[in-house]
Amino acid sequence: MSDKATGGLMLFAAASVCIYYTVWTILLPFFDASSPVHDYFPSREWAVRIPAFILVIGISAISLCLGLVIIKEHQ
């Protein structure tokens, strides 16, 4: 797969996730609770839990990498 195709695929995936999350968190409250649109999305508590989990994992990975670099420099 070429770099251009890979980049396009990554851009499409990022845009899709962004649009889905925006509809889920911003537009969904304006629909009635009985609307069938609510069936396409998880409960609203996950709109906070998922990004928080991703943030914790990301900060942990960055901290781990920095810690490993610091340990290697001291050896």
PDB file of N, CA and C in Angstrom:
ATOM      1  N   MET A   1       0.849  -1.172   0.000  1.00  0.00           N
ATOM      2  CA  MET A   1       0.000   0.000   0.000  1.00  0.00           C
ATOM      3  C   MET A   1       0.897   1.238   0.000  1.00  0.00           C
ATOM      4  N   SER A   2       0.592   2.199  -0.832  1.00  0.00           N
ATOM      5  CA  SER A   2       1.426   3.394  -0.947  1.00  0.00           C
ATOM      6  C   SER A   2       1.210   4.322   0.250  1.00  0.00           C
ATOM      7  N   ASP A   3       2.151   5.240   0.419  1.00  0.00           N
ATOM      8  CA  ASP A   3       2.044   6.202   1.510  1.00  0.00           C
ATOM      9  C   ASP A   3       0.809   7.084   1.354  1.00  0.00           C
ATOM     10  N   LYS A   4       0.505   7.427   0.117  1.00  0.00           N
ATOM     11  CA  LYS A   4      -0.651   8.286  -0.145  1.00  0.00           C
ATOM     12  C   LYS A   4      -1.953   7.575   0.224  1.00  0.00           C
ATOM     13  N   ALA A   5      -2.056   6.306  -0.112  1.00  0.00           N
ATOM     14  CA  ALA A   5      -3.257   5.538   0.228  1.00  0.00           C
ATOM     15  C   ALA A   5      -3.367   5.340   1.737  1.00  0.00           C
ATOM     16  N   THR A   6      -2.243   5.064   2.384  1.00  0.00           N
ATOM     17  CA  THR A   6      -2.240   4.895   3.838  1.00  0.00           C
ATOM     18  C   THR A   6      -2.656   6.184   4.530  1.00  0.00           C
ATOM     19  N   GLY A   7      -2.100   7.298   4.074  1.00  0.00           N
ATOM     20  CA  GLY A   7      -2.465   8.588   4.649  1.00  0.00           C
ATOM     21  C   GLY A   7      -3.931   8.920   4.440  1.00  0.00           C
ATOM     22  N   GLY A   8      -4.442   8.613   3.255  1.00  0.00           N
ATOM     23  CA  GLY A   8      -5.855   8.847   2.983  1.00  0.00           C
ATOM     24  C   GLY A   8      -6.752   7.994   3.859  1.00  0.00           C
ATOM     25  N   LEU A   9      -6.358   6.742   4.061  1.00  0.00           N
ATOM     26  CA  LEU A   9      -7.123   5.847   4.922  1.00  0.00           C
ATOM     27  C   LEU A   9      -7.112   6.330   6.372  1.00  0.00           C
ATOM     28  N   MET A  10      -5.954   6.764   6.846  1.00  0.00           N
ATOM     29  CA  MET A  10      -5.851   7.285   8.210  1.00  0.00           C
ATOM     30  C   MET A  10      -6.678   8.563   8.375  1.00  0.00           C
ATOM     31  N   LEU A  11      -6.656   9.428   7.369  1.00  0.00           N
ATOM     32  CA  LEU A  11      -7.449  10.658   7.410  1.00  0.00           C
ATOM     33  C   LEU A  11      -8.939  10.345   7.421  1.00  0.00           C
ATOM     34  N   PHE A  12      -9.353   9.382   6.612  1.00  0.00           N
ATOM     35  CA  PHE A  12     -10.757   8.972   6.587  1.00  0.00           C
ATOM     36  C   PHE A  12     -11.189   8.399   7.937  1.00  0.00           C
ATOM     37  N   ALA A  13     -10.337   7.565   8.543  1.00  0.00           N
ATOM     38  CA  ALA A  13     -10.660   6.977   9.846  1.00  0.00           C
ATOM     39  C   ALA A  13     -10.776   8.061  10.916  1.00  0.00           C
ATOM     40  N   ALA A  14      -9.838   9.006  10.926  1.00  0.00           N
ATOM     41  CA  ALA A  14      -9.873  10.082  11.916  1.00  0.00           C
ATOM     42  C   ALA A  14     -11.105  10.962  11.735  1.00  0.00           C
ATOM     43  N   ALA A  15     -11.442  11.284  10.496  1.00  0.00           N
ATOM     44  CA  ALA A  15     -12.621  12.110  10.235  1.00  0.00           C
ATOM     45  C   ALA A  15     -13.898  11.376  10.633  1.00  0.00           C
ATOM     46  N   SER A  16     -13.955  10.075  10.372  1.00  0.00           N
ATOM     47  CA  SER A  16     -15.137   9.289  10.734  1.00  0.00           C
ATOM     48  C   SER A  16     -15.336   9.255  12.241  1.00  0.00           C
ATOM     49  N   VAL A  17     -14.257   9.019  12.974  1.00  0.00           N
ATOM     50  CA  VAL A  17     -14.340   8.986  14.436  1.00  0.00           C
ATOM     51  C   VAL A  17     -14.748  10.357  14.971  1.00  0.00           C
ATOM     52  N   CYS A  18     -14.184  11.404  14.417  1.00  0.00           N
ATOM     53  CA  CYS A  18     -14.507  12.764  14.855  1.00  0.00           C
ATOM     54  C   CYS A  18     -15.976  13.091  14.608  1.00  0.00           C
ATOM     55  N   ILE A  19     -16.485  12.755  13.451  1.00  0.00           N
ATOM     56  CA  ILE A  19     -17.890  13.027  13.131  1.00  0.00           C
ATOM     57  C   ILE A  19     -18.815  12.205  14.025  1.00  0.00           C
ATOM     58  N   TYR A  20     -18.497  10.932  14.236  1.00  0.00           N
ATOM     59  CA  TYR A  20     -19.315  10.066  15.089  1.00  0.00           C
ATOM     60  C   TYR A  20     -19.363  10.615  16.511  1.00  0.00           C
ATOM     61  N   TYR A  21     -18.202  10.981  17.052  1.00  0.00           N
ATOM     62  CA  TYR A  21     -18.137  11.481  18.427  1.00  0.00           C
ATOM     63  C   TYR A  21     -18.868  12.818  18.554  1.00  0.00           C
ATOM     64  N   THR A  22     -18.743  13.679  17.539  1.00  0.00           N
ATOM     65  CA  THR A  22     -19.429  14.969  17.568  1.00  0.00           C
ATOM     66  C   THR A  22     -20.940  14.786  17.571  1.00  0.00           C
ATOM     67  N   VAL A  23     -21.434  13.909  16.722  1.00  0.00           N
ATOM     68  CA  VAL A  23     -22.875  13.636  16.696  1.00  0.00           C
ATOM     69  C   VAL A  23     -23.318  13.047  18.025  1.00  0.00           C
ATOM     70  N   TRP A  24     -22.525  12.143  18.569  1.00  0.00           N
ATOM     71  CA  TRP A  24     -22.857  11.460  19.819  1.00  0.00           C
ATOM     72  C   TRP A  24     -22.946  12.440  20.981  1.00  0.00           C
ATOM     73  N   THR A  25     -21.966  13.339  21.097  1.00  0.00           N
ATOM     74  CA  THR A  25     -21.902  14.196  22.276  1.00  0.00           C
ATOM     75  C   THR A  25     -22.649  15.515  22.132  1.00  0.00           C
ATOM     76  N   ILE A  26     -22.716  16.059  20.920  1.00  0.00           N
ATOM     77  CA  ILE A  26     -23.299  17.391  20.757  1.00  0.00           C
ATOM     78  C   ILE A  26     -24.716  17.347  20.190  1.00  0.00           C
ATOM     79  N   LEU A  27     -24.948  16.535  19.189  1.00  0.00           N
ATOM     80  CA  LEU A  27     -26.253  16.547  18.529  1.00  0.00           C
ATOM     81  C   LEU A  27     -27.273  15.599  19.150  1.00  0.00           C
ATOM     82  N   LEU A  28     -26.824  14.497  19.737  1.00  0.00           N
ATOM     83  CA  LEU A  28     -27.748  13.491  20.261  1.00  0.00           C
ATOM     84  C   LEU A  28     -28.688  14.030  21.345  1.00  0.00           C
ATOM     85  N   PRO A  29     -28.250  14.928  22.234  1.00  0.00           N
ATOM     86  CA  PRO A  29     -29.189  15.434  23.251  1.00  0.00           C
ATOM     87  C   PRO A  29     -30.395  16.183  22.672  1.00  0.00           C
ATOM     88  N   PHE A  30     -30.308  16.640  21.441  1.00  0.00           N
ATOM     89  CA  PHE A  30     -31.412  17.370  20.840  1.00  0.00           C
ATOM     90  C   PHE A  30     -32.489  16.453  20.255  1.00  0.00           C
ATOM     91  N   PHE A  31     -32.219  15.158  20.180  1.00  0.00           N
ATOM     92  CA  PHE A  31     -33.211  14.197  19.704  1.00  0.00           C
ATOM     93  C   PHE A  31     -34.007  13.670  20.890  1.00  0.00           C
ATOM     94  N   ASP A  32     -35.268  13.334  20.668  1.00  0.00           N
ATOM     95  CA  ASP A  32     -36.082  12.733  21.721  1.00  0.00           C
ATOM     96  C   ASP A  32     -35.470  11.411  22.159  1.00  0.00           C
ATOM     97  N   ALA A  33     -35.689  11.059  23.420  1.00  0.00           N
ATOM     98  CA  ALA A  33     -35.160   9.795  23.939  1.00  0.00           C
ATOM     99  C   ALA A  33     -35.778   8.599  23.228  1.00  0.00           C
ATOM    100  N   SER A  34     -36.959   8.766  22.674  1.00  0.00           N
ATOM    101  CA  SER A  34     -37.615   7.662  21.968  1.00  0.00           C
ATOM    102  C   SER A  34     -37.183   7.563  20.506  1.00  0.00           C
ATOM    103  N   SER A  35     -36.339   8.470  20.063  1.00  0.00           N
ATOM    104  CA  SER A  35     -35.895   8.476  18.667  1.00  0.00           C
ATOM    105  C   SER A  35     -35.024   7.256  18.368  1.00  0.00           C
ATOM    106  N   PRO A  36     -35.175   6.657  17.189  1.00  0.00           N
ATOM    107  CA  PRO A  36     -34.344   5.495  16.842  1.00  0.00           C
ATOM    108  C   PRO A  36     -32.868   5.851  16.653  1.00  0.00           C
ATOM    109  N   VAL A  37     -32.552   7.125  16.577  1.00  0.00           N
ATOM    110  CA  VAL A  37     -31.154   7.549  16.437  1.00  0.00           C
ATOM    111  C   VAL A  37     -30.344   7.133  17.662  1.00  0.00           C
ATOM    112  N   HIS A  38     -30.979   7.107  18.827  1.00  0.00           N
ATOM    113  CA  HIS A  38     -30.291   6.740  20.067  1.00  0.00           C
ATOM    114  C   HIS A  38     -29.806   5.290  20.049  1.00  0.00           C
ATOM    115  N   ASP A  39     -30.381   4.459  19.209  1.00  0.00           N
ATOM    116  CA  ASP A  39     -29.974   3.054  19.143  1.00  0.00           C
ATOM    117  C   ASP A  39     -28.590   2.871  18.521  1.00  0.00           C
ATOM    118  N   TYR A  40     -28.106   3.871  17.796  1.00  0.00           N
ATOM    119  CA  TYR A  40     -26.812   3.767  17.119  1.00  0.00           C
ATOM    120  C   TYR A  40     -25.630   4.167  18.007  1.00  0.00           C
ATOM    121  N   PHE A  41     -25.907   4.646  19.203  1.00  0.00           N
ATOM    122  CA  PHE A  41     -24.852   5.160  20.071  1.00  0.00           C
ATOM    123  C   PHE A  41     -24.921   4.496  21.437  1.00  0.00           C
ATOM    124  N   PRO A  42     -23.763   4.319  22.099  1.00  0.00           N
ATOM    125  CA  PRO A  42     -23.763   3.819  23.479  1.00  0.00           C
ATOM    126  C   PRO A  42     -24.335   4.885  24.423  1.00  0.00           C
ATOM    127  N   SER A  43     -24.481   4.529  25.695  1.00  0.00           N
ATOM    128  CA  SER A  43     -25.001   5.503  26.653  1.00  0.00           C
ATOM    129  C   SER A  43     -24.029   6.676  26.796  1.00  0.00           C
ATOM    130  N   ARG A  44     -24.533   7.797  27.269  1.00  0.00           N
ATOM    131  CA  ARG A  44     -23.748   9.030  27.297  1.00  0.00           C
ATOM    132  C   ARG A  44     -22.584   8.973  28.274  1.00  0.00           C
ATOM    133  N   GLU A  45     -22.640   8.104  29.274  1.00  0.00           N
ATOM    134  CA  GLU A  45     -21.517   8.017  30.215  1.00  0.00           C
ATOM    135  C   GLU A  45     -20.238   7.559  29.510  1.00  0.00           C
ATOM    136  N   TRP A  46     -20.382   6.793  28.450  1.00  0.00           N
ATOM    137  CA  TRP A  46     -19.210   6.335  27.704  1.00  0.00           C
ATOM    138  C   TRP A  46     -18.579   7.450  26.878  1.00  0.00           C
ATOM    139  N   ALA A  47     -19.310   8.530  26.648  1.00  0.00           N
ATOM    140  CA  ALA A  47     -18.752   9.682  25.935  1.00  0.00           C
ATOM    141  C   ALA A  47     -17.648  10.344  26.751  1.00  0.00           C
ATOM    142  N   VAL A  48     -17.660  10.117  28.055  1.00  0.00           N
ATOM    143  CA  VAL A  48     -16.608  10.636  28.931  1.00  0.00           C
ATOM    144  C   VAL A  48     -15.594   9.541  29.250  1.00  0.00           C
ATOM    145  N   ARG A  49     -16.067   8.335  29.489  1.00  0.00           N
ATOM    146  CA  ARG A  49     -15.169   7.248  29.889  1.00  0.00           C
ATOM    147  C   ARG A  49     -14.153   6.876  28.808  1.00  0.00           C
ATOM    148  N   ILE A  50     -14.585   6.786  27.566  1.00  0.00           N
ATOM    149  CA  ILE A  50     -13.682   6.364  26.487  1.00  0.00           C
ATOM    150  C   ILE A  50     -12.537   7.351  26.284  1.00  0.00           C
ATOM    151  N   PRO A  51     -12.804   8.670  26.136  1.00  0.00           N
ATOM    152  CA  PRO A  51     -11.671   9.601  26.001  1.00  0.00           C
ATOM    153  C   PRO A  51     -10.782   9.642  27.243  1.00  0.00           C
ATOM    154  N   ALA A  52     -11.382   9.499  28.434  1.00  0.00           N
ATOM    155  CA  ALA A  52     -10.575   9.488  29.656  1.00  0.00           C
ATOM    156  C   ALA A  52      -9.650   8.274  29.672  1.00  0.00           C
ATOM    157  N   PHE A  53     -10.157   7.120  29.265  1.00  0.00           N
ATOM    158  CA  PHE A  53      -9.340   5.911  29.207  1.00  0.00           C
ATOM    159  C   PHE A  53      -8.206   6.072  28.200  1.00  0.00           C
ATOM    160  N   ILE A  54      -8.517   6.628  27.024  1.00  0.00           N
ATOM    161  CA  ILE A  54      -7.488   6.848  26.002  1.00  0.00           C
ATOM    162  C   ILE A  54      -6.433   7.818  26.512  1.00  0.00           C
ATOM    163  N   LEU A  55      -6.860   8.854  27.231  1.00  0.00           N
ATOM    164  CA  LEU A  55      -5.921   9.823  27.793  1.00  0.00           C
ATOM    165  C   LEU A  55      -5.001   9.172  28.821  1.00  0.00           C
ATOM    166  N   VAL A  56      -5.550   8.352  29.698  1.00  0.00           N
ATOM    167  CA  VAL A  56      -4.732   7.660  30.703  1.00  0.00           C
ATOM    168  C   VAL A  56      -3.734   6.724  30.031  1.00  0.00           C
ATOM    169  N   ILE A  57      -4.164   5.976  29.030  1.00  0.00           N
ATOM    170  CA  ILE A  57      -3.264   5.074  28.309  1.00  0.00           C
ATOM    171  C   ILE A  57      -2.166   5.867  27.609  1.00  0.00           C
ATOM    172  N   GLY A  58      -2.525   6.979  26.966  1.00  0.00           N
ATOM    173  CA  GLY A  58      -1.536   7.803  26.267  1.00  0.00           C
ATOM    174  C   GLY A  58      -0.509   8.401  27.210  1.00  0.00           C
ATOM    175  N   ILE A  59      -0.963   8.955  28.326  1.00  0.00           N
ATOM    176  CA  ILE A  59      -0.032   9.532  29.301  1.00  0.00           C
ATOM    177  C   ILE A  59       0.846   8.446  29.897  1.00  0.00           C
ATOM    178  N   SER A  60       0.295   7.269  30.139  1.00  0.00           N
ATOM    179  CA  SER A  60       1.092   6.155  30.664  1.00  0.00           C
ATOM    180  C   SER A  60       2.160   5.726  29.671  1.00  0.00           C
ATOM    181  N   ALA A  61       1.813   5.656  28.393  1.00  0.00           N
ATOM    182  CA  ALA A  61       2.788   5.259  27.373  1.00  0.00           C
ATOM    183  C   ALA A  61       3.902   6.293  27.250  1.00  0.00           C
ATOM    184  N   ILE A  62       3.548   7.571  27.265  1.00  0.00           N
ATOM    185  CA  ILE A  62       4.564   8.623  27.190  1.00  0.00           C
ATOM    186  C   ILE A  62       5.464   8.583  28.415  1.00  0.00           C
ATOM    187  N   SER A  63       4.883   8.410  29.593  1.00  0.00           N
ATOM    188  CA  SER A  63       5.673   8.330  30.824  1.00  0.00           C
ATOM    189  C   SER A  63       6.596   7.124  30.812  1.00  0.00           C
ATOM    190  N   LEU A  64       6.113   6.004  30.315  1.00  0.00           N
ATOM    191  CA  LEU A  64       6.937   4.804  30.227  1.00  0.00           C
ATOM    192  C   LEU A  64       8.121   5.028  29.300  1.00  0.00           C
ATOM    193  N   CYS A  65       7.868   5.625  28.144  1.00  0.00           N
ATOM    194  CA  CYS A  65       8.957   5.904  27.200  1.00  0.00           C
ATOM    195  C   CYS A  65       9.975   6.857  27.804  1.00  0.00           C
ATOM    196  N   LEU A  66       9.507   7.918  28.441  1.00  0.00           N
ATOM    197  CA  LEU A  66      10.430   8.859  29.075  1.00  0.00           C
ATOM    198  C   LEU A  66      11.225   8.186  30.193  1.00  0.00           C
ATOM    199  N   GLY A  67      10.556   7.363  30.976  1.00  0.00           N
ATOM    200  CA  GLY A  67      11.244   6.646  32.044  1.00  0.00           C
ATOM    201  C   GLY A  67      12.323   5.723  31.512  1.00  0.00           C
ATOM    202  N   LEU A  68      12.028   5.009  30.428  1.00  0.00           N
ATOM    203  CA  LEU A  68      13.027   4.118  29.838  1.00  0.00           C
ATOM    204  C   LEU A  68      14.214   4.896  29.288  1.00  0.00           C
ATOM    205  N   VAL A  69      13.965   6.049  28.682  1.00  0.00           N
ATOM    206  CA  VAL A  69      15.057   6.879  28.161  1.00  0.00           C
ATOM    207  C   VAL A  69      15.920   7.388  29.308  1.00  0.00           C
ATOM    208  N   ILE A  70      15.303   7.832  30.379  1.00  0.00           N
ATOM    209  CA  ILE A  70      16.059   8.334  31.531  1.00  0.00           C
ATOM    210  C   ILE A  70      16.892   7.221  32.146  1.00  0.00           C
ATOM    211  N   ILE A  71      16.329   6.033  32.272  1.00  0.00           N
ATOM    212  CA  ILE A  71      17.073   4.904  32.840  1.00  0.00           C
ATOM    213  C   ILE A  71      18.252   4.536  31.949  1.00  0.00           C
ATOM    214  N   LYS A  72      18.067   4.510  30.634  1.00  0.00           N
ATOM    215  CA  LYS A  72      19.160   4.172  29.715  1.00  0.00           C
ATOM    216  C   LYS A  72      20.258   5.221  29.742  1.00  0.00           C
ATOM    217  N   GLU A  73      19.906   6.493  29.916  1.00  0.00           N
ATOM    218  CA  GLU A  73      20.921   7.545  29.962  1.00  0.00           C
ATOM    219  C   GLU A  73      21.775   7.446  31.214  1.00  0.00           C
ATOM    220  N   HIS A  74      21.214   6.972  32.301  1.00  0.00           N
ATOM    221  CA  HIS A  74      21.970   6.869  33.549  1.00  0.00           C
ATOM    222  C   HIS A  74      22.854   5.628  33.604  1.00  0.00           C
ATOM    223  N   GLN A  75      22.668   4.706  32.708  1.00  0.00           N
ATOM    224  CA  GLN A  75      23.475   3.477  32.738  1.00  0.00           C
ATOM    225  C   GLN A  75      24.757   3.638  32.009  1.00  0.00           C
TER     226      GLN A  75
END
